[in-house]
Amino acid sequence: MFFSPIFAMPQHAINPNVSVASVIFSFNNQELEVLLIERSAGNNDKADKIKALPGNLIYEDETMDCAVESVLTSLTGLENIFLNGLHLR
């Protein structure tokens, strides 16, 4: 029996039917602020950006809580944020 010294890591499959989005509120001098990110509007023009809530599709093997944290961190770099969820089914 032959064993390869290099093992392939399993690929995570994206679930095209489930996504998460985060609404991050903060107060600055008694004004309510909401965190938005810039996203491409779908074409190759770099000047064509839109504002959006941080969100994305999730992996098949991710829980919703883990997905929210990983998507938020990957899109904004923010970590260890207090999250209180509204879960829709």
PDB file of N, CA and C in Angstrom:
ATOM      1  N   MET A   1       0.855  -1.172   0.000  1.00  0.00           N
ATOM      2  CA  MET A   1       0.000   0.000   0.000  1.00  0.00           C
ATOM      3  C   MET A   1       0.897   1.230   0.000  1.00  0.00           C
ATOM      4  N   PHE A   2       0.590   2.193  -0.839  1.00  0.00           N
ATOM      5  CA  PHE A   2       1.386   3.414  -0.972  1.00  0.00           C
ATOM      6  C   PHE A   2       0.676   4.576  -0.286  1.00  0.00           C
ATOM      7  N   PHE A   3       1.389   5.286   0.581  1.00  0.00           N
ATOM      8  CA  PHE A   3       0.843   6.459   1.242  1.00  0.00           C
ATOM      9  C   PHE A   3       1.597   7.687   0.766  1.00  0.00           C
ATOM     10  N   SER A   4       0.885   8.658   0.318  1.00  0.00           N
ATOM     11  CA  SER A   4       1.508   9.904  -0.131  1.00  0.00           C
ATOM     12  C   SER A   4       1.932  10.716   1.081  1.00  0.00           C
ATOM     13  N   PRO A   5       3.136  11.304   1.043  1.00  0.00           N
ATOM     14  CA  PRO A   5       3.567  12.131   2.178  1.00  0.00           C
ATOM     15  C   PRO A   5       2.818  13.449   2.283  1.00  0.00           C
ATOM     16  N   ILE A   6       2.130  13.818   1.225  1.00  0.00           N
ATOM     17  CA  ILE A   6       1.381  15.078   1.221  1.00  0.00           C
ATOM     18  C   ILE A   6      -0.108  14.750   1.274  1.00  0.00           C
ATOM     19  N   PHE A   7      -0.750  15.221   2.302  1.00  0.00           N
ATOM     20  CA  PHE A   7      -2.180  14.970   2.451  1.00  0.00           C
ATOM     21  C   PHE A   7      -2.944  16.209   2.037  1.00  0.00           C
ATOM     22  N   ALA A   8      -3.958  16.046   1.242  1.00  0.00           N
ATOM     23  CA  ALA A   8      -4.776  17.186   0.809  1.00  0.00           C
ATOM     24  C   ALA A   8      -5.736  17.566   1.923  1.00  0.00           C
ATOM     25  N   MET A   9      -5.820  18.847   2.187  1.00  0.00           N
ATOM     26  CA  MET A   9      -6.770  19.344   3.177  1.00  0.00           C
ATOM     27  C   MET A   9      -8.173  19.299   2.564  1.00  0.00           C
ATOM     28  N   PRO A  10      -9.163  18.920   3.341  1.00  0.00           N
ATOM     29  CA  PRO A  10     -10.528  18.892   2.784  1.00  0.00           C
ATOM     30  C   PRO A  10     -10.996  20.297   2.439  1.00  0.00           C
ATOM     31  N   GLN A  11     -11.676  20.406   1.335  1.00  0.00           N
ATOM     32  CA  GLN A  11     -12.202  21.689   0.884  1.00  0.00           C
ATOM     33  C   GLN A  11     -13.554  21.945   1.551  1.00  0.00           C
ATOM     34  N   HIS A  12     -13.718  23.150   2.042  1.00  0.00           N
ATOM     35  CA  HIS A  12     -15.015  23.534   2.599  1.00  0.00           C
ATOM     36  C   HIS A  12     -15.926  23.931   1.446  1.00  0.00           C
ATOM     37  N   ALA A  13     -17.114  23.412   1.456  1.00  0.00           N
ATOM     38  CA  ALA A  13     -18.074  23.743   0.409  1.00  0.00           C
ATOM     39  C   ALA A  13     -18.902  24.939   0.859  1.00  0.00           C
ATOM     40  N   ILE A  14     -19.075  25.888  -0.039  1.00  0.00           N
ATOM     41  CA  ILE A  14     -19.913  27.056   0.217  1.00  0.00           C
ATOM     42  C   ILE A  14     -21.372  26.653   0.044  1.00  0.00           C
ATOM     43  N   ASN A  15     -22.217  27.096   0.956  1.00  0.00           N
ATOM     44  CA  ASN A  15     -23.658  26.877   0.824  1.00  0.00           C
ATOM     45  C   ASN A  15     -24.236  28.082   0.096  1.00  0.00           C
ATOM     46  N   PRO A  16     -24.656  27.935  -1.153  1.00  0.00           N
ATOM     47  CA  PRO A  16     -25.154  29.080  -1.919  1.00  0.00           C
ATOM     48  C   PRO A  16     -26.531  29.567  -1.482  1.00  0.00           C
ATOM     49  N   ASN A  17     -27.151  28.846  -0.539  1.00  0.00           N
ATOM     50  CA  ASN A  17     -28.504  29.190  -0.104  1.00  0.00           C
ATOM     51  C   ASN A  17     -28.562  29.901   1.240  1.00  0.00           C
ATOM     52  N   VAL A  18     -27.427  30.015   1.936  1.00  0.00           N
ATOM     53  CA  VAL A  18     -27.427  30.606   3.278  1.00  0.00           C
ATOM     54  C   VAL A  18     -26.342  31.674   3.364  1.00  0.00           C
ATOM     55  N   SER A  19     -26.721  32.831   3.852  1.00  0.00           N
ATOM     56  CA  SER A  19     -25.746  33.909   4.058  1.00  0.00           C
ATOM     57  C   SER A  19     -25.987  34.559   5.414  1.00  0.00           C
ATOM     58  N   VAL A  20     -24.990  35.300   5.859  1.00  0.00           N
ATOM     59  CA  VAL A  20     -25.097  36.058   7.099  1.00  0.00           C
ATOM     60  C   VAL A  20     -24.751  37.512   6.802  1.00  0.00           C
ATOM     61  N   ALA A  21     -25.323  38.397   7.589  1.00  0.00           N
ATOM     62  CA  ALA A  21     -24.986  39.818   7.519  1.00  0.00           C
ATOM     63  C   ALA A  21     -24.954  40.350   8.944  1.00  0.00           C
ATOM     64  N   SER A  22     -24.065  41.299   9.188  1.00  0.00           N
ATOM     65  CA  SER A  22     -23.921  41.876  10.523  1.00  0.00           C
ATOM     66  C   SER A  22     -24.267  43.355  10.491  1.00  0.00           C
ATOM     67  N   VAL A  23     -25.008  43.777  11.485  1.00  0.00           N
ATOM     68  CA  VAL A  23     -25.285  45.200  11.667  1.00  0.00           C
ATOM     69  C   VAL A  23     -24.562  45.595  12.950  1.00  0.00           C
ATOM     70  N   ILE A  24     -23.495  46.369  12.804  1.00  0.00           N
ATOM     71  CA  ILE A  24     -22.672  46.783  13.932  1.00  0.00           C
ATOM     72  C   ILE A  24     -22.990  48.245  14.236  1.00  0.00           C
ATOM     73  N   PHE A  25     -23.575  48.468  15.429  1.00  0.00           N
ATOM     74  CA  PHE A  25     -23.938  49.819  15.869  1.00  0.00           C
ATOM     75  C   PHE A  25     -22.882  50.359  16.814  1.00  0.00           C
ATOM     76  N   SER A  26     -22.693  51.658  16.786  1.00  0.00           N
ATOM     77  CA  SER A  26     -21.854  52.320  17.789  1.00  0.00           C
ATOM     78  C   SER A  26     -22.389  53.735  17.990  1.00  0.00           C
ATOM     79  N   PHE A  27     -22.003  54.332  19.090  1.00  0.00           N
ATOM     80  CA  PHE A  27     -22.351  55.714  19.358  1.00  0.00           C
ATOM     81  C   PHE A  27     -21.083  56.558  19.347  1.00  0.00           C
ATOM     82  N   ASN A  28     -21.145  57.701  18.676  1.00  0.00           N
ATOM     83  CA  ASN A  28     -20.036  58.636  18.621  1.00  0.00           C
ATOM     84  C   ASN A  28     -20.605  60.022  18.886  1.00  0.00           C
ATOM     85  N   ASN A  29     -20.279  60.586  20.047  1.00  0.00           N
ATOM     86  CA  ASN A  29     -20.822  61.902  20.430  1.00  0.00           C
ATOM     87  C   ASN A  29     -22.341  61.922  20.345  1.00  0.00           C
ATOM     88  N   GLN A  30     -22.959  60.915  20.905  1.00  0.00           N
ATOM     89  CA  GLN A  30     -24.420  60.762  20.960  1.00  0.00           C
ATOM     90  C   GLN A  30     -25.067  60.582  19.586  1.00  0.00           C
ATOM     91  N   GLU A  31     -24.292  60.242  18.586  1.00  0.00           N
ATOM     92  CA  GLU A  31     -24.842  59.934  17.268  1.00  0.00           C
ATOM     93  C   GLU A  31     -24.691  58.445  17.008  1.00  0.00           C
ATOM     94  N   LEU A  32     -25.758  57.833  16.508  1.00  0.00           N
ATOM     95  CA  LEU A  32     -25.733  56.425  16.174  1.00  0.00           C
ATOM     96  C   LEU A  32     -25.015  56.241  14.843  1.00  0.00           C
ATOM     97  N   GLU A  33     -24.062  55.314  14.814  1.00  0.00           N
ATOM     98  CA  GLU A  33     -23.345  54.998  13.586  1.00  0.00           C
ATOM     99  C   GLU A  33     -23.503  53.520  13.283  1.00  0.00           C
ATOM    100  N   VAL A  34     -23.459  53.178  11.991  1.00  0.00           N
ATOM    101  CA  VAL A  34     -23.557  51.792  11.539  1.00  0.00           C
ATOM    102  C   VAL A  34     -22.353  51.502  10.654  1.00  0.00           C
ATOM    103  N   LEU A  35     -21.706  50.362  10.886  1.00  0.00           N
ATOM    104  CA  LEU A  35     -20.542  49.969  10.102  1.00  0.00           C
ATOM    105  C   LEU A  35     -20.967  49.482   8.722  1.00  0.00           C
ATOM    106  N   LEU A  36     -20.385  50.073   7.677  1.00  0.00           N
ATOM    107  CA  LEU A  36     -20.612  49.639   6.302  1.00  0.00           C
ATOM    108  C   LEU A  36     -19.263  49.331   5.664  1.00  0.00           C
ATOM    109  N   ILE A  37     -19.266  48.444   4.687  1.00  0.00           N
ATOM    110  CA  ILE A  37     -18.061  48.142   3.928  1.00  0.00           C
ATOM    111  C   ILE A  37     -18.274  48.570   2.483  1.00  0.00           C
ATOM    112  N   GLU A  38     -17.190  48.710   1.728  1.00  0.00           N
ATOM    113  CA  GLU A  38     -17.301  48.981   0.296  1.00  0.00           C
ATOM    114  C   GLU A  38     -17.148  47.678  -0.456  1.00  0.00           C
ATOM    115  N   ARG A  39     -18.040  47.469  -1.399  1.00  0.00           N
ATOM    116  CA  ARG A  39     -18.022  46.268  -2.234  1.00  0.00           C
ATOM    117  C   ARG A  39     -18.068  46.674  -3.689  1.00  0.00           C
ATOM    118  N   SER A  40     -17.551  45.808  -4.529  1.00  0.00           N
ATOM    119  CA  SER A  40     -17.648  46.013  -5.972  1.00  0.00           C
ATOM    120  C   SER A  40     -19.109  45.850  -6.382  1.00  0.00           C
ATOM    121  N   ALA A  41     -19.532  46.656  -7.318  1.00  0.00           N
ATOM    122  CA  ALA A  41     -20.920  46.595  -7.788  1.00  0.00           C
ATOM    123  C   ALA A  41     -21.132  45.478  -8.805  1.00  0.00           C
ATOM    124  N   GLY A  42     -20.120  44.647  -9.032  1.00  0.00           N
ATOM    125  CA  GLY A  42     -20.292  43.501  -9.909  1.00  0.00           C
ATOM    126  C   GLY A  42     -19.587  43.614 -11.242  1.00  0.00           C
ATOM    127  N   ASN A  43     -18.989  44.762 -11.511  1.00  0.00           N
ATOM    128  CA  ASN A  43     -18.225  44.876 -12.749  1.00  0.00           C
ATOM    129  C   ASN A  43     -16.760  45.118 -12.397  1.00  0.00           C
ATOM    130  N   ASN A  44     -15.923  45.264 -13.382  1.00  0.00           N
ATOM    131  CA  ASN A  44     -14.488  45.389 -13.144  1.00  0.00           C
ATOM    132  C   ASN A  44     -14.036  46.817 -12.901  1.00  0.00           C
ATOM    133  N   ASP A  45     -14.937  47.780 -12.927  1.00  0.00           N
ATOM    134  CA  ASP A  45     -14.577  49.178 -12.712  1.00  0.00           C
ATOM    135  C   ASP A  45     -14.326  49.406 -11.227  1.00  0.00           C
ATOM    136  N   LYS A  46     -13.074  49.712 -10.871  1.00  0.00           N
ATOM    137  CA  LYS A  46     -12.729  49.891  -9.461  1.00  0.00           C
ATOM    138  C   LYS A  46     -13.430  51.098  -8.854  1.00  0.00           C
ATOM    139  N   ALA A  47     -13.826  52.041  -9.665  1.00  0.00           N
ATOM    140  CA  ALA A  47     -14.503  53.228  -9.151  1.00  0.00           C
ATOM    141  C   ALA A  47     -15.965  52.947  -8.835  1.00  0.00           C
ATOM    142  N   ASP A  48     -16.474  51.824  -9.290  1.00  0.00           N
ATOM    143  CA  ASP A  48     -17.881  51.491  -9.107  1.00  0.00           C
ATOM    144  C   ASP A  48     -18.058  50.655  -7.843  1.00  0.00           C
ATOM    145  N   LYS A  49     -18.020  51.310  -6.684  1.00  0.00           N
ATOM    146  CA  LYS A  49     -18.162  50.645  -5.387  1.00  0.00           C
ATOM    147  C   LYS A  49     -19.500  51.014  -4.770  1.00  0.00           C
ATOM    148  N   ILE A  50     -20.033  50.092  -3.978  1.00  0.00           N
ATOM    149  CA  ILE A  50     -21.269  50.366  -3.250  1.00  0.00           C
ATOM    150  C   ILE A  50     -21.022  50.139  -1.762  1.00  0.00           C
ATOM    151  N   LYS A  51     -21.821  50.750  -0.930  1.00  0.00           N
ATOM    152  CA  LYS A  51     -21.769  50.541   0.515  1.00  0.00           C
ATOM    153  C   LYS A  51     -22.712  49.396   0.860  1.00  0.00           C
ATOM    154  N   ALA A  52     -22.280  48.562   1.801  1.00  0.00           N
ATOM    155  CA  ALA A  52     -23.098  47.400   2.167  1.00  0.00           C
ATOM    156  C   ALA A  52     -22.820  47.005   3.617  1.00  0.00           C
ATOM    157  N   LEU A  53     -23.759  46.265   4.193  1.00  0.00           N
ATOM    158  CA  LEU A  53     -23.513  45.648   5.493  1.00  0.00           C
ATOM    159  C   LEU A  53     -22.506  44.515   5.297  1.00  0.00           C
ATOM    160  N   PRO A  54     -21.623  44.280   6.266  1.00  0.00           N
ATOM    161  CA  PRO A  54     -20.699  43.159   6.124  1.00  0.00           C
ATOM    162  C   PRO A  54     -21.444  41.835   6.177  1.00  0.00           C
ATOM    163  N   GLY A  55     -21.326  41.062   5.120  1.00  0.00           N
ATOM    164  CA  GLY A  55     -21.992  39.771   5.047  1.00  0.00           C
ATOM    165  C   GLY A  55     -21.479  38.959   3.881  1.00  0.00           C
ATOM    166  N   ASN A  56     -21.781  37.674   3.901  1.00  0.00           N
ATOM    167  CA  ASN A  56     -21.328  36.790   2.836  1.00  0.00           C
ATOM    168  C   ASN A  56     -22.006  35.429   2.982  1.00  0.00           C
ATOM    169  N   LEU A  57     -21.783  34.556   2.000  1.00  0.00           N
ATOM    170  CA  LEU A  57     -22.257  33.179   2.084  1.00  0.00           C
ATOM    171  C   LEU A  57     -21.457  32.436   3.142  1.00  0.00           C
ATOM    172  N   ILE A  58     -22.009  31.347   3.636  1.00  0.00           N
ATOM    173  CA  ILE A  58     -21.322  30.583   4.682  1.00  0.00           C
ATOM    174  C   ILE A  58     -20.922  29.206   4.148  1.00  0.00           C
ATOM    175  N   TYR A  59     -20.035  28.536   4.902  1.00  0.00           N
ATOM    176  CA  TYR A  59     -19.632  27.180   4.558  1.00  0.00           C
ATOM    177  C   TYR A  59     -20.681  26.189   5.049  1.00  0.00           C
ATOM    178  N   GLU A  60     -20.762  25.060   4.371  1.00  0.00           N
ATOM    179  CA  GLU A  60     -21.733  24.013   4.727  1.00  0.00           C
ATOM    180  C   GLU A  60     -21.569  23.529   6.172  1.00  0.00           C
ATOM    181  N   ASP A  61     -20.324  23.457   6.650  1.00  0.00           N
ATOM    182  CA  ASP A  61     -20.073  22.889   7.969  1.00  0.00           C
ATOM    183  C   ASP A  61     -19.939  23.936   9.070  1.00  0.00           C
ATOM    184  N   GLU A  62     -20.330  25.179   8.806  1.00  0.00           N
ATOM    185  CA  GLU A  62     -20.245  26.252   9.797  1.00  0.00           C
ATOM    186  C   GLU A  62     -21.569  26.454  10.514  1.00  0.00           C
ATOM    187  N   THR A  63     -21.486  26.758  11.789  1.00  0.00           N
ATOM    188  CA  THR A  63     -22.689  27.191  12.496  1.00  0.00           C
ATOM    189  C   THR A  63     -22.916  28.669  12.146  1.00  0.00           C
ATOM    190  N   MET A  64     -24.101  29.159  12.390  1.00  0.00           N
ATOM    191  CA  MET A  64     -24.393  30.564  12.097  1.00  0.00           C
ATOM    192  C   MET A  64     -23.513  31.491  12.941  1.00  0.00           C
ATOM    193  N   ASP A  65     -23.329  31.164  14.216  1.00  0.00           N
ATOM    194  CA  ASP A  65     -22.505  32.009  15.084  1.00  0.00           C
ATOM    195  C   ASP A  65     -21.059  32.068  14.601  1.00  0.00           C
ATOM    196  N   CYS A  66     -20.502  30.925  14.234  1.00  0.00           N
ATOM    197  CA  CYS A  66     -19.124  30.897  13.725  1.00  0.00           C
ATOM    198  C   CYS A  66     -19.024  31.642  12.395  1.00  0.00           C
ATOM    199  N   ALA A  67     -20.037  31.496  11.553  1.00  0.00           N
ATOM    200  CA  ALA A  67     -20.037  32.166  10.259  1.00  0.00           C
ATOM    201  C   ALA A  67     -20.055  33.686  10.422  1.00  0.00           C
ATOM    202  N   VAL A  68     -20.881  34.180  11.333  1.00  0.00           N
ATOM    203  CA  VAL A  68     -20.933  35.630  11.558  1.00  0.00           C
ATOM    204  C   VAL A  68     -19.567  36.145  11.982  1.00  0.00           C
ATOM    205  N   GLU A  69     -18.925  35.461  12.915  1.00  0.00           N
ATOM    206  CA  GLU A  69     -17.613  35.905  13.388  1.00  0.00           C
ATOM    207  C   GLU A  69     -16.560  35.842  12.287  1.00  0.00           C
ATOM    208  N   SER A  70     -16.512  34.747  11.528  1.00  0.00           N
ATOM    209  CA  SER A  70     -15.485  34.623  10.496  1.00  0.00           C
ATOM    210  C   SER A  70     -15.708  35.594   9.341  1.00  0.00           C
ATOM    211  N   VAL A  71     -16.960  35.809   8.943  1.00  0.00           N
ATOM    212  CA  VAL A  71     -17.249  36.759   7.863  1.00  0.00           C
ATOM    213  C   VAL A  71     -16.925  38.179   8.311  1.00  0.00           C
ATOM    214  N   LEU A  72     -17.321  38.528   9.521  1.00  0.00           N
ATOM    215  CA  LEU A  72     -17.043  39.873  10.032  1.00  0.00           C
ATOM    216  C   LEU A  72     -15.540  40.134  10.115  1.00  0.00           C
ATOM    217  N   THR A  73     -14.795  39.162  10.607  1.00  0.00           N
ATOM    218  CA  THR A  73     -13.341  39.325  10.710  1.00  0.00           C
ATOM    219  C   THR A  73     -12.690  39.408   9.333  1.00  0.00           C
ATOM    220  N   SER A  74     -13.120  38.566   8.398  1.00  0.00           N
ATOM    221  CA  SER A  74     -12.492  38.566   7.078  1.00  0.00           C
ATOM    222  C   SER A  74     -12.786  39.841   6.292  1.00  0.00           C
ATOM    223  N   LEU A  75     -13.958  40.433   6.494  1.00  0.00           N
ATOM    224  CA  LEU A  75     -14.320  41.632   5.733  1.00  0.00           C
ATOM    225  C   LEU A  75     -13.883  42.939   6.392  1.00  0.00           C
ATOM    226  N   THR A  76     -13.724  42.934   7.723  1.00  0.00           N
ATOM    227  CA  THR A  76     -13.423  44.191   8.419  1.00  0.00           C
ATOM    228  C   THR A  76     -12.140  44.153   9.237  1.00  0.00           C
ATOM    229  N   GLY A  77     -11.681  42.961   9.585  1.00  0.00           N
ATOM    230  CA  GLY A  77     -10.530  42.837  10.461  1.00  0.00           C
ATOM    231  C   GLY A  77     -10.886  42.961  11.936  1.00  0.00           C
ATOM    232  N   LEU A  78     -12.146  43.181  12.246  1.00  0.00           N
ATOM    233  CA  LEU A  78     -12.586  43.323  13.630  1.00  0.00           C
ATOM    234  C   LEU A  78     -12.686  41.959  14.296  1.00  0.00           C
ATOM    235  N   GLU A  79     -12.240  41.893  15.551  1.00  0.00           N
ATOM    236  CA  GLU A  79     -12.308  40.656  16.323  1.00  0.00           C
ATOM    237  C   GLU A  79     -12.831  40.955  17.721  1.00  0.00           C
ATOM    238  N   ASN A  80     -13.323  39.915  18.380  1.00  0.00           N
ATOM    239  CA  ASN A  80     -13.785  40.009  19.766  1.00  0.00           C
ATOM    240  C   ASN A  80     -14.831  41.103  19.970  1.00  0.00           C
ATOM    241  N   ILE A  81     -15.809  41.143  19.102  1.00  0.00           N
ATOM    242  CA  ILE A  81     -16.899  42.111  19.200  1.00  0.00           C
ATOM    243  C   ILE A  81     -18.081  41.431  19.886  1.00  0.00           C
ATOM    244  N   PHE A  82     -18.736  42.170  20.778  1.00  0.00           N
ATOM    245  CA  PHE A  82     -19.943  41.643  21.407  1.00  0.00           C
ATOM    246  C   PHE A  82     -21.006  41.487  20.331  1.00  0.00           C
ATOM    247  N   LEU A  83     -21.508  40.280  20.178  1.00  0.00           N
ATOM    248  CA  LEU A  83     -22.524  39.990  19.170  1.00  0.00           C
ATOM    249  C   LEU A  83     -23.778  39.486  19.856  1.00  0.00           C
ATOM    250  N   ASN A  84     -24.895  40.057  19.483  1.00  0.00           N
ATOM    251  CA  ASN A  84     -26.191  39.616  19.973  1.00  0.00           C
ATOM    252  C   ASN A  84     -27.010  39.320  18.731  1.00  0.00           C
ATOM    253  N   GLY A  85     -27.406  38.080  18.560  1.00  0.00           N
ATOM    254  CA  GLY A  85     -27.955  37.664  17.284  1.00  0.00           C
ATOM    255  C   GLY A  85     -29.467  37.694  17.186  1.00  0.00           C
ATOM    256  N   LEU A  86     -29.913  37.971  15.989  1.00  0.00           N
ATOM    257  CA  LEU A  86     -31.295  37.808  15.586  1.00  0.00           C
ATOM    258  C   LEU A  86     -31.272  36.677  14.567  1.00  0.00           C
ATOM    259  N   HIS A  87     -31.779  35.535  14.941  1.00  0.00           N
ATOM    260  CA  HIS A  87     -31.714  34.367  14.079  1.00  0.00           C
ATOM    261  C   HIS A  87     -33.056  34.169  13.387  1.00  0.00           C
ATOM    262  N   LEU A  88     -33.007  34.177  12.077  1.00  0.00           N
ATOM    263  CA  LEU A  88     -34.206  33.916  11.284  1.00  0.00           C
ATOM    264  C   LEU A  88     -34.098  32.523  10.696  1.00  0.00           C
ATOM    265  N   ARG A  89     -35.188  31.836  10.636  1.00  0.00           N
ATOM    266  CA  ARG A  89     -35.171  30.489  10.069  1.00  0.00           C
ATOM    267  C   ARG A  89     -36.132  30.401   8.925  1.00  0.00           C
TER     268      ARG A  89
END
